[in-house]
Amino acid sequence: MRRLPIYFLIDVSESMVGDPIEQVQAGMAAIIKELKTDPYALETVYLSIIAFAGKAQKITPLMEIINFYPPKLPIGGGTSLGNALNFLMNDLDASIQKTTYEEKGNWNPIIFLFTDGNPTDDVNSAFDRWNQKYRKAANLIAISLGNNTDTNILGRITDDILLLKNTDEESFSRFFKWITASIKTSSVAVTESNNTGLSLAPVTEGLTKIEPNKQSPAKIDENFAVILAKCQTTKRLYLIKYQKYLSESNYVGMKVLGYKLAGAYPIDNTYFELADDKQSSQTVNTDSLDGFPSCPCCGNQYGFSHCACGNILCTGGEEITTCPWCGSQAKFGFSDGSANITRTRG
């Protein structure tokens, strides 16, 4: 039986922590539940999920819908889109059945790329490889989750770019219904018309088709400032996420760049499995940060305490604090001035 391979290439970088990753998780479950009731999809569609941050990881291999159950998505460090695209291409080489003289191979795979930020790696060689060998033999649909992605970068690898401007629960729900409808129409198209596989549903409310220019990417996602921290009590990791905003300065007509607290979110050590090997040298000054959280792991009042080792931890009412990063002991208090804090690559 000929298969219609569907890949979900999902950005699980630090900026996705919190509501975005939870909404994608719920959306994937809704897609699978709906497709399991569609006879065309059950006959043709095979699904795979690849998550990427600094590194890429196959979360589920290509499998038929009836045996597919949505997995839990991890969080990692960085947004290495070039690395993710190379991982995808290698998997296409290994998993897609080619047409031979004896039998027809799979229909052209459909890839849904979800991302909410910009690449933090060098994408040029991966983009060249994709455009030269894979672009005409696969259907890549790139979706920007929110306004923070430079869609010009995505325009270098696909003409199908969509913007999901609002990322509230209702908007995500409509978006994943559109994904489901697109998979259904594509499965009908290949079954009845024997076409190449892509038949997108009409763009739904909240989605915008983008016509980008082509330009080079940035090396760090400036739309967010995300800080890696560790709970003093539980030793568990957590991410403190800030989103970029512009505020009025004391000078007429000038804006000041800052970052407003979006939340603090516990994560586990799988973060390092998906983080790239490059150490971030980027910093953000605490004067640019608006709001400081309590610890999401143990509830300590101060979730943004800065140790002399350079790392962030939580502190509470204890007399002496032991840093969970370096093991040193110190008495923490308040100080004047600001500090440059190492941020993740986004």
Protein backbone atom coordinates (compact mmCIF):
# COMPACT_ATOMS: atom_id res chain seq x y z
CA MET A 1 0.00 0.00 0.00
CA ARG A 2 1.29 3.46 -0.91
CA ARG A 3 1.83 5.73 2.06
CA LEU A 4 1.29 9.48 2.44
CA PRO A 5 4.04 10.46 4.91
CA ILE A 6 3.23 13.43 7.18
CA TYR A 7 6.03 14.92 9.28
CA PHE A 8 5.67 17.42 12.10
CA LEU A 9 8.94 19.31 12.58
CA ILE A 10 8.35 21.11 15.87
CA ASP A 11 10.40 23.87 17.48
CA VAL A 12 10.80 22.99 21.19
CA SER A 13 13.31 25.73 22.06
CA GLU A 14 13.18 27.69 25.30
CA SER A 15 10.87 30.34 23.85
CA MET A 16 8.19 27.65 23.38
CA VAL A 17 8.06 26.89 27.11
CA GLY A 18 4.72 27.44 28.82
CA ASP A 19 1.46 27.89 26.93
CA PRO A 20 2.90 27.47 23.37
CA ILE A 21 4.26 23.96 23.93
CA GLU A 22 1.14 22.95 25.86
CA GLN A 23 -1.10 24.21 23.03
CA VAL A 24 0.94 22.29 20.44
CA GLN A 25 0.75 19.19 22.65
CA ALA A 26 -3.05 19.47 22.87
CA GLY A 27 -3.31 20.24 19.16
CA MET A 28 -1.37 17.13 18.18
CA ALA A 29 -3.70 15.01 20.32
CA ALA A 30 -6.73 16.58 18.62
CA ILE A 31 -5.29 15.91 15.15
CA ILE A 32 -4.67 12.23 15.87
CA LYS A 33 -8.10 11.74 17.45
CA GLU A 34 -9.85 13.25 14.42
CA LEU A 35 -7.76 11.41 11.81
CA LYS A 36 -8.50 8.07 13.43
CA THR A 37 -12.13 8.53 12.37
CA ASP A 38 -11.35 9.31 8.71
CA PRO A 39 -11.27 6.29 6.35
CA TYR A 40 -9.04 7.96 3.73
CA ALA A 41 -6.49 9.01 6.35
CA LEU A 42 -6.53 5.58 7.98
CA GLU A 43 -5.77 4.02 4.61
CA THR A 44 -2.94 6.30 3.50
CA VAL A 45 -1.50 8.59 6.19
CA TYR A 46 1.63 7.76 8.19
CA LEU A 47 2.85 10.26 10.80
CA SER A 48 6.18 11.16 12.37
CA ILE A 49 7.19 13.85 14.90
CA ILE A 50 10.67 15.38 14.99
CA ALA A 51 11.39 17.92 17.73
CA PHE A 52 14.26 20.36 17.49
CA ALA A 53 16.01 22.88 19.68
CA GLY A 54 19.81 23.08 19.56
CA LYS A 55 19.69 19.48 18.35
CA ALA A 56 16.98 17.44 16.66
CA GLN A 57 15.39 14.25 17.94
CA LYS A 58 12.92 11.81 16.42
CA ILE A 59 10.10 11.62 18.94
CA THR A 60 8.04 9.12 16.95
CA PRO A 61 9.06 7.24 13.80
CA LEU A 62 6.86 7.17 10.71
CA MET A 63 3.86 5.00 11.60
CA GLU A 64 0.26 4.43 10.60
CA ILE A 65 -2.40 6.47 12.38
CA ILE A 66 -4.16 3.58 14.07
CA ASN A 67 -1.01 2.86 16.11
CA PHE A 68 -0.03 6.48 16.70
CA TYR A 69 -0.38 8.09 20.12
CA PRO A 70 0.73 11.71 20.69
CA PRO A 71 3.94 11.78 22.75
CA LYS A 72 4.99 14.32 25.36
CA LEU A 73 7.10 17.06 23.78
CA PRO A 74 10.37 18.05 25.49
CA ILE A 75 12.03 21.46 25.78
CA GLY A 76 15.64 22.09 24.69
CA GLY A 77 18.16 24.90 24.29
CA GLY A 78 18.61 26.83 21.03
CA THR A 79 16.75 26.94 17.71
CA SER A 80 18.99 25.09 15.26
CA LEU A 81 16.77 25.02 12.19
CA GLY A 82 19.64 24.02 9.89
CA ASN A 83 20.43 21.05 12.10
CA ALA A 84 16.74 20.12 12.22
CA LEU A 85 16.41 20.27 8.43
CA ASN A 86 19.45 18.01 7.98
CA PHE A 87 17.96 15.56 10.48
CA LEU A 88 14.67 15.59 8.54
CA MET A 89 16.42 15.02 5.20
CA ASN A 90 18.38 12.08 6.61
CA ASP A 91 15.15 10.58 7.88
CA LEU A 92 13.45 11.08 4.53
CA ASP A 93 16.30 9.17 2.90
CA ALA A 94 15.91 6.32 5.38
CA SER A 95 12.13 6.14 5.72
CA ILE A 96 10.52 7.11 2.41
CA GLN A 97 9.94 4.29 -0.05
CA LYS A 98 11.11 5.20 -3.56
CA THR A 99 9.33 4.23 -6.76
CA THR A 100 10.93 1.30 -8.59
CA TYR A 101 10.17 -0.64 -11.75
CA GLU A 102 8.32 -3.20 -9.64
CA GLU A 103 6.15 -0.91 -7.50
CA LYS A 104 5.23 2.68 -6.80
CA GLY A 105 6.77 4.35 -3.81
CA ASN A 106 5.30 6.73 -1.27
CA TRP A 107 3.55 9.91 -2.27
CA ASN A 108 5.54 13.09 -1.75
CA PRO A 109 5.86 13.68 2.00
CA ILE A 110 4.19 16.66 3.64
CA ILE A 111 6.13 18.47 6.35
CA PHE A 112 4.51 20.90 8.78
CA LEU A 113 7.22 23.05 10.38
CA PHE A 114 6.17 24.90 13.56
CA THR A 115 8.48 27.60 14.92
CA ASP A 116 8.10 30.70 17.05
CA GLY A 117 11.56 32.22 16.64
CA ASN A 118 14.63 32.58 14.46
CA PRO A 119 17.49 30.13 13.81
CA THR A 120 20.49 30.24 16.13
CA ASP A 121 22.73 28.13 13.86
CA ASP A 122 24.19 28.54 10.38
CA VAL A 123 21.41 27.35 8.07
CA ASN A 124 23.07 27.96 4.70
CA SER A 125 24.41 24.48 3.89
CA ALA A 126 21.21 22.77 5.07
CA PHE A 127 19.07 25.19 3.06
CA ASP A 128 21.20 24.56 -0.04
CA ARG A 129 20.92 20.80 0.40
CA TRP A 130 17.14 21.04 0.81
CA ASN A 131 16.64 23.26 -2.22
CA GLN A 132 18.87 21.18 -4.49
CA LYS A 133 17.61 17.69 -3.64
CA TYR A 134 14.41 17.66 -1.58
CA ARG A 135 12.30 20.75 -2.24
CA LYS A 136 10.67 19.46 -5.43
CA ALA A 137 10.09 16.00 -3.98
CA ALA A 138 8.45 17.12 -0.73
CA ASN A 139 5.86 19.64 0.44
CA LEU A 140 7.07 21.89 3.26
CA ILE A 141 4.56 24.16 5.01
CA ALA A 142 6.17 26.52 7.52
CA ILE A 143 4.01 28.07 10.24
CA SER A 144 5.18 31.00 12.36
CA LEU A 145 3.58 30.78 15.79
CA GLY A 146 3.25 34.46 16.66
CA ASN A 147 4.91 37.53 15.18
CA ASN A 148 8.46 36.85 16.31
CA THR A 149 9.68 34.69 13.42
CA ASP A 150 11.50 36.30 10.51
CA THR A 151 9.44 34.74 7.73
CA ASN A 152 12.02 35.88 5.17
CA ILE A 153 14.26 33.10 6.48
CA LEU A 154 11.54 30.49 5.97
CA GLY A 155 11.00 31.85 2.47
CA ARG A 156 14.39 30.48 1.49
CA ILE A 157 13.11 26.88 1.78
CA THR A 158 9.38 27.04 0.98
CA ASP A 159 6.73 29.13 -0.73
CA ASP A 160 4.07 27.94 1.71
CA ILE A 161 4.41 30.14 4.80
CA LEU A 162 1.61 30.89 7.22
CA LEU A 163 1.44 33.22 10.20
CA LEU A 164 -0.62 32.29 13.25
CA LYS A 165 -0.67 35.79 14.73
CA ASN A 166 -2.56 35.05 17.92
CA THR A 167 -1.46 32.13 20.08
CA ASP A 168 -4.37 31.93 22.51
CA GLU A 169 -6.25 28.69 23.05
CA GLU A 170 -9.04 29.47 20.59
CA SER A 171 -6.62 30.46 17.80
CA PHE A 172 -4.55 27.32 18.31
CA SER A 173 -7.73 25.22 18.23
CA ARG A 174 -8.76 26.68 14.84
CA PHE A 175 -5.22 26.27 13.54
CA PHE A 176 -5.03 22.56 14.38
CA LYS A 177 -8.46 22.00 12.85
CA TRP A 178 -7.00 23.53 9.67
CA ILE A 179 -4.02 21.14 9.87
CA THR A 180 -6.40 18.21 10.29
CA ALA A 181 -8.55 19.34 7.35
CA SER A 182 -5.44 19.75 5.17
CA ILE A 183 -4.27 16.23 5.97
CA LYS A 184 -7.74 14.87 5.18
CA THR A 185 -8.01 16.68 1.84
CA SER A 186 -4.50 15.56 0.91
CA SER A 187 -5.29 11.92 1.70
CA VAL A 188 -8.43 12.12 -0.45
CA ALA A 189 -6.47 13.77 -3.28
CA VAL A 190 -3.80 11.07 -3.46
CA THR A 191 -6.39 8.29 -3.23
CA GLU A 192 -8.83 9.60 -5.83
CA SER A 193 -6.66 11.78 -8.08
CA ASN A 194 -3.22 10.25 -7.58
CA ASN A 195 -1.63 13.69 -7.31
CA THR A 196 1.61 14.62 -5.53
CA GLY A 197 0.05 14.69 -2.08
CA LEU A 198 -0.49 18.30 -1.05
CA SER A 199 -4.01 19.70 -0.96
CA LEU A 200 -4.24 22.34 1.73
CA ALA A 201 -7.60 23.33 3.16
CA PRO A 202 -8.74 26.94 2.72
CA VAL A 203 -6.88 29.23 5.11
CA THR A 204 -8.93 29.61 8.27
CA GLU A 205 -9.57 32.67 10.42
CA GLY A 206 -6.43 33.76 12.25
CA LEU A 207 -4.02 32.33 9.66
CA THR A 208 -2.30 34.61 7.15
CA LYS A 209 -0.45 33.54 4.00
CA ILE A 210 2.97 35.22 3.89
CA GLU A 211 4.92 36.25 0.79
CA PRO A 212 8.46 36.74 2.13
CA ASN A 213 11.67 38.15 0.78
CA LYS A 214 14.87 36.14 1.13
CA GLN A 215 17.49 37.21 3.63
CA SER A 216 20.05 35.81 6.07
CA PRO A 217 19.12 34.73 9.59
CA ALA A 218 20.31 35.98 12.97
CA LYS A 219 22.42 33.83 15.28
CA ILE A 220 20.35 34.42 18.40
CA ASP A 221 16.63 34.85 18.79
CA GLU A 222 16.30 38.46 19.94
CA ASN A 223 12.53 38.23 20.34
CA PHE A 224 12.93 36.56 23.71
CA ALA A 225 15.36 36.61 26.59
CA VAL A 226 15.24 33.20 28.26
CA ILE A 227 17.26 32.42 31.39
CA LEU A 228 18.15 28.92 32.56
CA ALA A 229 17.86 28.53 36.34
CA LYS A 230 17.92 25.77 38.95
CA CYS A 231 15.81 25.27 42.06
CA GLN A 232 17.83 25.27 45.26
CA THR A 233 15.37 22.94 47.01
CA THR A 234 14.55 20.33 44.35
CA LYS A 235 17.65 20.77 42.12
CA ARG A 236 15.24 20.87 39.18
CA LEU A 237 15.83 23.09 36.15
CA TYR A 238 13.46 25.85 35.15
CA LEU A 239 13.32 28.50 32.44
CA ILE A 240 12.51 32.16 33.04
CA LYS A 241 11.01 33.55 29.85
CA TYR A 242 10.88 37.24 28.90
CA GLN A 243 9.33 38.65 25.73
CA LYS A 244 10.67 41.69 23.88
CA TYR A 245 8.77 44.96 24.03
CA LEU A 246 9.43 48.60 23.23
CA SER A 247 8.59 51.31 25.74
CA GLU A 248 8.67 55.09 25.57
CA SER A 249 11.96 56.72 26.54
CA ASN A 250 12.55 60.07 28.19
CA TYR A 251 13.35 61.43 24.75
CA VAL A 252 10.45 62.27 22.45
CA GLY A 253 10.04 59.84 19.57
CA MET A 254 12.52 57.30 20.92
CA LYS A 255 11.80 53.78 22.10
CA VAL A 256 13.67 51.68 24.65
CA LEU A 257 14.11 47.92 24.17
CA GLY A 258 13.13 45.82 27.15
CA TYR A 259 11.89 42.36 28.03
CA LYS A 260 8.69 41.72 30.00
CA LEU A 261 8.32 38.62 32.17
CA ALA A 262 6.17 35.96 30.52
CA GLY A 263 6.57 33.29 33.20
CA ALA A 264 8.80 30.69 34.81
CA TYR A 265 8.44 27.04 33.87
CA PRO A 266 9.95 23.83 35.31
CA ILE A 267 11.72 21.55 32.82
CA ASP A 268 13.69 18.32 33.12
CA ASN A 269 17.20 17.26 32.13
CA THR A 270 16.11 16.23 28.63
CA TYR A 271 16.68 19.93 27.95
CA PHE A 272 20.41 19.21 27.61
CA GLU A 273 19.80 16.31 25.22
CA LEU A 274 18.23 18.74 22.75
CA ALA A 275 20.52 21.70 23.43
CA ASP A 276 23.35 22.38 20.97
CA ASP A 277 26.94 22.04 22.12
CA LYS A 278 27.73 25.73 21.70
CA GLN A 279 27.85 27.72 24.92
CA SER A 280 25.90 30.94 24.79
CA SER A 281 28.03 34.07 25.16
CA GLN A 282 25.03 36.36 24.93
CA THR A 283 23.94 38.32 27.98
CA VAL A 284 21.05 40.52 28.96
CA ASN A 285 21.28 43.28 31.56
CA THR A 286 18.87 43.04 34.47
CA ASP A 287 17.93 46.69 33.90
CA SER A 288 16.27 45.52 30.66
CA LEU A 289 14.14 42.92 32.45
CA ASP A 290 10.68 43.82 33.68
CA GLY A 291 9.51 41.49 36.45
CA PHE A 292 11.14 38.68 38.43
CA PRO A 293 9.36 35.41 39.26
CA SER A 294 9.08 33.16 42.26
CA CYS A 295 10.44 29.64 41.86
CA PRO A 296 8.02 27.45 39.84
CA CYS A 297 9.47 24.29 41.42
CA CYS A 298 9.38 24.92 45.18
CA GLY A 299 7.65 28.29 45.54
CA ASN A 300 10.64 30.18 46.93
CA GLN A 301 9.89 33.90 46.82
CA TYR A 302 12.94 34.83 44.78
CA GLY A 303 13.32 32.76 41.63
CA PHE A 304 15.97 35.03 40.09
CA SER A 305 18.97 35.06 42.42
CA HIS A 306 22.41 35.48 40.89
CA CYS A 307 25.28 33.36 42.25
CA ALA A 308 28.92 34.39 41.95
CA CYS A 309 29.40 31.40 39.61
CA GLY A 310 27.23 33.27 37.10
CA ASN A 311 24.18 31.01 37.30
CA ILE A 312 20.63 31.70 38.43
CA LEU A 313 18.90 29.91 41.31
CA CYS A 314 16.00 30.41 43.69
CA THR A 315 16.30 31.62 47.27
CA GLY A 316 13.84 31.94 50.14
CA GLY A 317 14.03 32.66 53.83
CA GLU A 318 17.08 30.50 54.58
CA GLU A 319 20.02 32.08 56.39
CA ILE A 320 22.67 30.42 54.20
CA THR A 321 22.04 29.38 50.60
CA THR A 322 23.79 26.50 48.83
CA CYS A 323 24.03 27.06 45.10
CA PRO A 324 22.68 23.99 43.24
CA TRP A 325 25.03 24.79 40.33
CA CYS A 326 28.44 25.14 41.98
CA GLY A 327 27.82 23.98 45.55
CA SER A 328 29.17 27.16 47.15
CA GLN A 329 27.45 28.62 50.19
CA ALA A 330 26.64 32.26 50.67
CA LYS A 331 24.25 34.67 52.31
CA PHE A 332 22.07 36.31 49.69
CA GLY A 333 20.64 39.80 49.92
CA PHE A 334 19.63 42.79 47.83
CA SER A 335 22.11 45.06 46.07
CA ASP A 336 22.01 48.23 44.02
CA GLY A 337 22.96 48.41 40.35
CA SER A 338 22.51 45.82 37.63
CA ALA A 339 24.21 42.71 36.28
CA ASN A 340 24.72 41.07 32.91
CA ILE A 341 23.08 37.64 32.96
CA THR A 342 23.89 34.86 30.47
CA ARG A 343 20.86 34.12 28.34
CA THR A 344 20.08 31.07 26.28
CA ARG A 345 20.27 31.10 22.49
CA GLY A 346 16.48 30.98 22.18
